[in-house]
PDB file of all heavy atoms in Angstrom:
ATOM      1  N   GLY A   1       0.978  10.103   9.634  1.00  0.00           N
ATOM      2  CA  GLY A   1      -0.113   9.864   8.710  1.00  0.00           C
ATOM      3  C   GLY A   1       0.290   9.841   7.257  1.00  0.00           C
ATOM      4  O   GLY A   1       1.271   9.204   6.860  1.00  0.00           O
ATOM      5  N   GLU A   2      -0.481  10.532   6.434  1.00  0.00           N
ATOM      6  CA  GLU A   2      -0.232  10.543   4.994  1.00  0.00           C
ATOM      7  C   GLU A   2       1.143  11.112   4.659  1.00  0.00           C
ATOM      8  O   GLU A   2       1.792  10.668   3.708  1.00  0.00           O
ATOM      9  CB  GLU A   2      -1.323  11.364   4.286  1.00  0.00           C
ATOM     10  CG  GLU A   2      -2.675  10.667   4.218  1.00  0.00           C
ATOM     11  CD  GLU A   2      -2.631   9.407   3.353  1.00  0.00           C
ATOM     12  OE1 GLU A   2      -1.866   9.381   2.366  1.00  0.00           O
ATOM     13  OE2 GLU A   2      -3.356   8.454   3.667  1.00  0.00           O
ATOM     14  N   GLY A   3       1.585  12.093   5.429  1.00  0.00           N
ATOM     15  CA  GLY A   3       2.912  12.655   5.185  1.00  0.00           C
ATOM     16  C   GLY A   3       4.012  11.642   5.416  1.00  0.00           C
ATOM     17  O   GLY A   3       4.984  11.575   4.658  1.00  0.00           O
ATOM     18  N   ALA A   4       3.850  10.826   6.466  1.00  0.00           N
ATOM     19  CA  ALA A   4       4.829   9.780   6.739  1.00  0.00           C
ATOM     20  C   ALA A   4       4.823   8.732   5.641  1.00  0.00           C
ATOM     21  O   ALA A   4       5.878   8.242   5.212  1.00  0.00           O
ATOM     22  CB  ALA A   4       4.545   9.136   8.094  1.00  0.00           C
ATOM     23  N   LEU A   5       3.637   8.375   5.170  1.00  0.00           N
ATOM     24  CA  LEU A   5       3.530   7.385   4.094  1.00  0.00           C
ATOM     25  C   LEU A   5       4.166   7.907   2.816  1.00  0.00           C
ATOM     26  O   LEU A   5       4.933   7.186   2.149  1.00  0.00           O
ATOM     27  CB  LEU A   5       2.058   7.028   3.847  1.00  0.00           C
ATOM     28  CG  LEU A   5       1.791   6.106   2.660  1.00  0.00           C
ATOM     29  CD1 LEU A   5       2.527   4.780   2.799  1.00  0.00           C
ATOM     30  CD2 LEU A   5       0.291   5.877   2.485  1.00  0.00           C
ATOM     31  N   GLN A   6       3.879   9.145   2.454  1.00  0.00           N
ATOM     32  CA  GLN A   6       4.460   9.696   1.222  1.00  0.00           C
ATOM     33  C   GLN A   6       5.982   9.754   1.321  1.00  0.00           C
ATOM     34  O   GLN A   6       6.689   9.444   0.363  1.00  0.00           O
ATOM     35  CB  GLN A   6       3.899  11.095   0.951  1.00  0.00           C
ATOM     36  CG  GLN A   6       4.325  11.673  -0.388  1.00  0.00           C
ATOM     37  CD  GLN A   6       3.930  10.784  -1.554  1.00  0.00           C
ATOM     38  OE1 GLN A   6       2.747  10.479  -1.730  1.00  0.00           O
ATOM     39  NE2 GLN A   6       4.902  10.349  -2.351  1.00  0.00           N
ATOM     40  N   PHE A   7       6.484  10.134   2.494  1.00  0.00           N
ATOM     41  CA  PHE A   7       7.936  10.152   2.699  1.00  0.00           C
ATOM     42  C   PHE A   7       8.518   8.757   2.526  1.00  0.00           C
ATOM     43  O   PHE A   7       9.558   8.580   1.869  1.00  0.00           O
ATOM     44  CB  PHE A   7       8.249  10.701   4.087  1.00  0.00           C
ATOM     45  CG  PHE A   7       9.699  10.612   4.458  1.00  0.00           C
ATOM     46  CD1 PHE A   7      10.634  11.496   3.952  1.00  0.00           C
ATOM     47  CD2 PHE A   7      10.148   9.601   5.314  1.00  0.00           C
ATOM     48  CE1 PHE A   7      11.979  11.411   4.290  1.00  0.00           C
ATOM     49  CE2 PHE A   7      11.486   9.504   5.661  1.00  0.00           C
ATOM     50  CZ  PHE A   7      12.405  10.407   5.143  1.00  0.00           C
ATOM     51  N   ALA A   8       7.860   7.760   3.102  1.00  0.00           N
ATOM     52  CA  ALA A   8       8.348   6.389   2.986  1.00  0.00           C
ATOM     53  C   ALA A   8       8.397   5.934   1.531  1.00  0.00           C
ATOM     54  O   ALA A   8       9.387   5.333   1.090  1.00  0.00           O
ATOM     55  CB  ALA A   8       7.463   5.452   3.806  1.00  0.00           C
ATOM     56  N   LEU A   9       7.362   6.241   0.788  1.00  0.00           N
ATOM     57  CA  LEU A   9       7.334   5.866  -0.631  1.00  0.00           C
ATOM     58  C   LEU A   9       8.426   6.595  -1.401  1.00  0.00           C
ATOM     59  O   LEU A   9       9.093   6.007  -2.266  1.00  0.00           O
ATOM     60  CB  LEU A   9       5.955   6.163  -1.224  1.00  0.00           C
ATOM     61  CG  LEU A   9       4.780   5.374  -0.619  1.00  0.00           C
ATOM     62  CD1 LEU A   9       3.458   5.838  -1.213  1.00  0.00           C
ATOM     63  CD2 LEU A   9       4.967   3.869  -0.824  1.00  0.00           C
ATOM     64  N   ASP A  10       8.635   7.859  -1.075  1.00  0.00           N
ATOM     65  CA  ASP A  10       9.695   8.631  -1.725  1.00  0.00           C
ATOM     66  C   ASP A  10      11.075   8.041  -1.435  1.00  0.00           C
ATOM     67  O   ASP A  10      11.998   8.165  -2.252  1.00  0.00           O
ATOM     68  CB  ASP A  10       9.666  10.087  -1.251  1.00  0.00           C
ATOM     69  CG  ASP A  10       8.451  10.845  -1.748  1.00  0.00           C
ATOM     70  OD1 ASP A  10       7.779  10.362  -2.692  1.00  0.00           O
ATOM     71  OD2 ASP A  10       8.160  11.919  -1.179  1.00  0.00           O
ATOM     72  N   GLN A  11      11.213   7.395  -0.278  1.00  0.00           N
ATOM     73  CA  GLN A  11      12.491   6.800   0.119  1.00  0.00           C
ATOM     74  C   GLN A  11      12.656   5.371  -0.406  1.00  0.00           C
ATOM     75  O   GLN A  11      13.660   4.719  -0.106  1.00  0.00           O
ATOM     76  CB  GLN A  11      12.612   6.807   1.649  1.00  0.00           C
ATOM     77  CG  GLN A  11      12.742   8.182   2.255  1.00  0.00           C
ATOM     78  CD  GLN A  11      14.010   8.899   1.830  1.00  0.00           C
ATOM     79  OE1 GLN A  11      15.096   8.337   1.848  1.00  0.00           O
ATOM     80  NE2 GLN A  11      13.870  10.158   1.418  1.00  0.00           N
ATOM     81  N   GLY A  12      11.678   4.891  -1.162  1.00  0.00           N
ATOM     82  CA  GLY A  12      11.808   3.583  -1.780  1.00  0.00           C
ATOM     83  C   GLY A  12      11.123   2.435  -1.057  1.00  0.00           C
ATOM     84  O   GLY A  12      11.229   1.273  -1.494  1.00  0.00           O
ATOM     85  N   PHE A  13      10.419   2.716   0.039  1.00  0.00           N
ATOM     86  CA  PHE A  13       9.670   1.661   0.708  1.00  0.00           C
ATOM     87  C   PHE A  13       8.455   1.275  -0.132  1.00  0.00           C
ATOM     88  O   PHE A  13       7.865   2.124  -0.813  1.00  0.00           O
ATOM     89  CB  PHE A  13       9.218   2.128   2.095  1.00  0.00           C
ATOM     90  CG  PHE A  13      10.336   2.308   3.071  1.00  0.00           C
ATOM     91  CD1 PHE A  13      11.024   3.524   3.141  1.00  0.00           C
ATOM     92  CD2 PHE A  13      10.720   1.281   3.918  1.00  0.00           C
ATOM     93  CE1 PHE A  13      12.062   3.703   4.042  1.00  0.00           C
ATOM     94  CE2 PHE A  13      11.760   1.454   4.820  1.00  0.00           C
ATOM     95  CZ  PHE A  13      12.436   2.664   4.886  1.00  0.00           C
ATOM     96  N   GLU A  14       8.059   0.017  -0.041  1.00  0.00           N
ATOM     97  CA  GLU A  14       6.932  -0.465  -0.838  1.00  0.00           C
ATOM     98  C   GLU A  14       5.665  -0.522  -0.002  1.00  0.00           C
ATOM     99  O   GLU A  14       5.688  -0.910   1.168  1.00  0.00           O
ATOM    100  CB  GLU A  14       7.243  -1.852  -1.399  1.00  0.00           C
ATOM    101  CG  GLU A  14       8.389  -1.862  -2.392  1.00  0.00           C
ATOM    102  CD  GLU A  14       8.602  -3.237  -3.006  1.00  0.00           C
ATOM    103  OE1 GLU A  14       7.852  -4.174  -2.641  1.00  0.00           O
ATOM    104  OE2 GLU A  14       9.512  -3.359  -3.839  1.00  0.00           O
ATOM    105  N   LYS A  15       4.556  -0.169  -0.650  1.00  0.00           N
ATOM    106  CA  LYS A  15       3.255  -0.197  -0.003  1.00  0.00           C
ATOM    107  C   LYS A  15       2.755  -1.638   0.045  1.00  0.00           C
ATOM    108  O   LYS A  15       2.791  -2.353  -0.947  1.00  0.00           O
ATOM    109  CB  LYS A  15       2.288   0.688  -0.799  1.00  0.00           C
ATOM    110  CG  LYS A  15       1.035   1.092  -0.070  1.00  0.00           C
ATOM    111  CD  LYS A  15       0.280   2.122  -0.897  1.00  0.00           C
ATOM    112  CE  LYS A  15      -0.983   2.567  -0.189  1.00  0.00           C
ATOM    113  NZ  LYS A  15      -1.706   3.587  -0.992  1.00  0.00           N
ATOM    114  N   GLU A  16       2.300  -2.074   1.222  1.00  0.00           N
ATOM    115  CA  GLU A  16       1.862  -3.451   1.406  1.00  0.00           C
ATOM    116  C   GLU A  16       0.577  -3.507   2.230  1.00  0.00           C
ATOM    117  O   GLU A  16       0.272  -2.591   2.989  1.00  0.00           O
ATOM    118  CB  GLU A  16       2.945  -4.266   2.125  1.00  0.00           C
ATOM    119  CG  GLU A  16       4.281  -4.299   1.406  1.00  0.00           C
ATOM    120  CD  GLU A  16       5.307  -5.131   2.145  1.00  0.00           C
ATOM    121  OE1 GLU A  16       5.039  -6.327   2.378  1.00  0.00           O
ATOM    122  OE2 GLU A  16       6.363  -4.573   2.493  1.00  0.00           O
ATOM    123  N   ASN A  17      -0.148  -4.605   2.083  1.00  0.00           N
ATOM    124  CA  ASN A  17      -1.320  -4.856   2.912  1.00  0.00           C
ATOM    125  C   ASN A  17      -0.851  -5.507   4.203  1.00  0.00           C
ATOM    126  O   ASN A  17      -0.327  -6.624   4.203  1.00  0.00           O
ATOM    127  CB  ASN A  17      -2.309  -5.772   2.191  1.00  0.00           C
ATOM    128  CG  ASN A  17      -3.503  -6.111   3.066  1.00  0.00           C
ATOM    129  OD1 ASN A  17      -3.796  -5.412   4.040  1.00  0.00           O
ATOM    130  ND2 ASN A  17      -4.201  -7.188   2.731  1.00  0.00           N
ATOM    131  N   LEU A  18      -1.040  -4.847   5.326  1.00  0.00           N
ATOM    132  CA  LEU A  18      -0.551  -5.340   6.612  1.00  0.00           C
ATOM    133  C   LEU A  18      -1.613  -6.087   7.407  1.00  0.00           C
ATOM    134  O   LEU A  18      -1.315  -6.653   8.466  1.00  0.00           O
ATOM    135  CB  LEU A  18      -0.022  -4.172   7.449  1.00  0.00           C
ATOM    136  CG  LEU A  18       1.083  -3.325   6.817  1.00  0.00           C
ATOM    137  CD1 LEU A  18       1.505  -2.214   7.776  1.00  0.00           C
ATOM    138  CD2 LEU A  18       2.280  -4.179   6.424  1.00  0.00           C
ATOM    139  N   LEU A  19      -2.852  -6.113   6.918  1.00  0.00           N
ATOM    140  CA  LEU A  19      -3.943  -6.770   7.643  1.00  0.00           C
ATOM    141  C   LEU A  19      -3.969  -8.250   7.280  1.00  0.00           C
ATOM    142  O   LEU A  19      -4.419  -8.635   6.208  1.00  0.00           O
ATOM    143  CB  LEU A  19      -5.278  -6.106   7.306  1.00  0.00           C
ATOM    144  CG  LEU A  19      -6.486  -6.611   8.093  1.00  0.00           C
ATOM    145  CD1 LEU A  19      -6.339  -6.280   9.578  1.00  0.00           C
ATOM    146  CD2 LEU A  19      -7.781  -6.020   7.537  1.00  0.00           C
ATOM    147  N   THR A  20      -3.482  -9.084   8.168  1.00  0.00           N
ATOM    148  CA  THR A  20      -3.451 -10.529   7.929  1.00  0.00           C
ATOM    149  C   THR A  20      -4.841 -11.127   8.147  1.00  0.00           C
ATOM    150  O   THR A  20      -5.694 -10.530   8.822  1.00  0.00           O
ATOM    151  CB  THR A  20      -2.467 -11.212   8.887  1.00  0.00           C
ATOM    152  OG1 THR A  20      -2.912 -11.005  10.240  1.00  0.00           O
ATOM    153  CG2 THR A  20      -1.055 -10.654   8.717  1.00  0.00           C
ATOM    154  N   PRO A  21      -5.105 -12.316   7.595  1.00  0.00           N
ATOM    155  CA  PRO A  21      -6.390 -12.976   7.844  1.00  0.00           C
ATOM    156  C   PRO A  21      -6.695 -13.148   9.333  1.00  0.00           C
ATOM    157  O   PRO A  21      -7.843 -12.995   9.760  1.00  0.00           O
ATOM    158  CB  PRO A  21      -6.226 -14.330   7.137  1.00  0.00           C
ATOM    159  CG  PRO A  21      -5.241 -14.060   6.045  1.00  0.00           C
ATOM    160  CD  PRO A  21      -4.279 -13.057   6.617  1.00  0.00           C
ATOM    161  N   GLN A  22      -5.685 -13.462  10.123  1.00  0.00           N
ATOM    162  CA  GLN A  22      -5.883 -13.641  11.553  1.00  0.00           C
ATOM    163  C   GLN A  22      -6.317 -12.339  12.224  1.00  0.00           C
ATOM    164  O   GLN A  22      -7.238 -12.322  13.049  1.00  0.00           O
ATOM    165  CB  GLN A  22      -4.595 -14.150  12.189  1.00  0.00           C
ATOM    166  CG  GLN A  22      -4.708 -14.476  13.673  1.00  0.00           C
ATOM    167  CD  GLN A  22      -3.386 -14.930  14.278  1.00  0.00           C
ATOM    168  OE1 GLN A  22      -2.345 -14.890  13.624  1.00  0.00           O
ATOM    169  NE2 GLN A  22      -3.418 -15.348  15.531  1.00  0.00           N
ATOM    170  N   ALA A  23      -5.656 -11.232  11.860  1.00  0.00           N
ATOM    171  CA  ALA A  23      -6.021  -9.939  12.443  1.00  0.00           C
ATOM    172  C   ALA A  23      -7.391  -9.485  11.969  1.00  0.00           C
ATOM    173  O   ALA A  23      -8.171  -8.916  12.740  1.00  0.00           O
ATOM    174  CB  ALA A  23      -4.961  -8.902  12.096  1.00  0.00           C
ATOM    175  N   LYS A  24      -7.708  -9.751  10.707  1.00  0.00           N
ATOM    176  CA  LYS A  24      -9.033  -9.374  10.185  1.00  0.00           C
ATOM    177  C   LYS A  24     -10.129 -10.159  10.889  1.00  0.00           C
ATOM    178  O   LYS A  24     -11.197  -9.614  11.204  1.00  0.00           O
ATOM    179  CB  LYS A  24      -9.118  -9.590   8.681  1.00  0.00           C
ATOM    180  CG  LYS A  24     -10.438  -9.088   8.082  1.00  0.00           C
ATOM    181  CD  LYS A  24     -10.502  -9.269   6.592  1.00  0.00           C
ATOM    182  CE  LYS A  24     -11.779  -8.647   6.024  1.00  0.00           C
ATOM    183  NZ  LYS A  24     -13.014  -9.177   6.679  1.00  0.00           N
ATOM    184  N   ALA A  25      -9.887 -11.434  11.148  1.00  0.00           N
ATOM    185  CA  ALA A  25     -10.875 -12.252  11.853  1.00  0.00           C
ATOM    186  C   ALA A  25     -11.126 -11.699  13.255  1.00  0.00           C
ATOM    187  O   ALA A  25     -12.275 -11.654  13.721  1.00  0.00           O
ATOM    188  CB  ALA A  25     -10.399 -13.698  11.919  1.00  0.00           C
ATOM    189  N   ALA A  26     -10.067 -11.273  13.925  1.00  0.00           N
ATOM    190  CA  ALA A  26     -10.220 -10.684  15.256  1.00  0.00           C
ATOM    191  C   ALA A  26     -11.022  -9.392  15.194  1.00  0.00           C
ATOM    192  O   ALA A  26     -11.872  -9.128  16.057  1.00  0.00           O
ATOM    193  CB  ALA A  26      -8.850 -10.432  15.875  1.00  0.00           C
ATOM    194  N   TRP A  27     -10.774  -8.599  14.159  1.00  0.00           N
ATOM    195  CA  TRP A  27     -11.513  -7.345  13.995  1.00  0.00           C
ATOM    196  C   TRP A  27     -12.981  -7.634  13.682  1.00  0.00           C
ATOM    197  O   TRP A  27     -13.877  -6.976  14.219  1.00  0.00           O
ATOM    198  CB  TRP A  27     -10.873  -6.525  12.879  1.00  0.00           C
ATOM    199  CG  TRP A  27     -11.582  -5.236  12.567  1.00  0.00           C
ATOM    200  CD1 TRP A  27     -11.694  -4.153  13.378  1.00  0.00           C
ATOM    201  CD2 TRP A  27     -12.268  -4.908  11.350  1.00  0.00           C
ATOM    202  NE1 TRP A  27     -12.402  -3.152  12.738  1.00  0.00           N
ATOM    203  CE2 TRP A  27     -12.764  -3.596  11.495  1.00  0.00           C
ATOM    204  CE3 TRP A  27     -12.497  -5.600  10.165  1.00  0.00           C
ATOM    205  CZ2 TRP A  27     -13.492  -2.970  10.494  1.00  0.00           C
ATOM    206  CZ3 TRP A  27     -13.209  -4.956   9.162  1.00  0.00           C
ATOM    207  CH2 TRP A  27     -13.701  -3.654   9.326  1.00  0.00           C
ATOM    208  N   ASP A  28     -13.243  -8.626  12.819  1.00  0.00           N
ATOM    209  CA  ASP A  28     -14.626  -9.010  12.501  1.00  0.00           C
ATOM    210  C   ASP A  28     -15.373  -9.447  13.750  1.00  0.00           C
ATOM    211  O   ASP A  28     -16.540  -9.099  13.957  1.00  0.00           O
ATOM    212  CB  ASP A  28     -14.636 -10.138  11.466  1.00  0.00           C
ATOM    213  CG  ASP A  28     -14.254  -9.668  10.063  1.00  0.00           C
ATOM    214  OD1 ASP A  28     -14.371  -8.455   9.796  1.00  0.00           O
ATOM    215  OD2 ASP A  28     -13.826 -10.506   9.256  1.00  0.00           O
TER     216      ASP A  28
END
């Protein structure tokens, strides 16, 4: 969860939007 995300950011990974239009349409 949040701990994994904070660790990733601390290690230099970049935060990105992973929800593509195709996946959002399926969710809608």
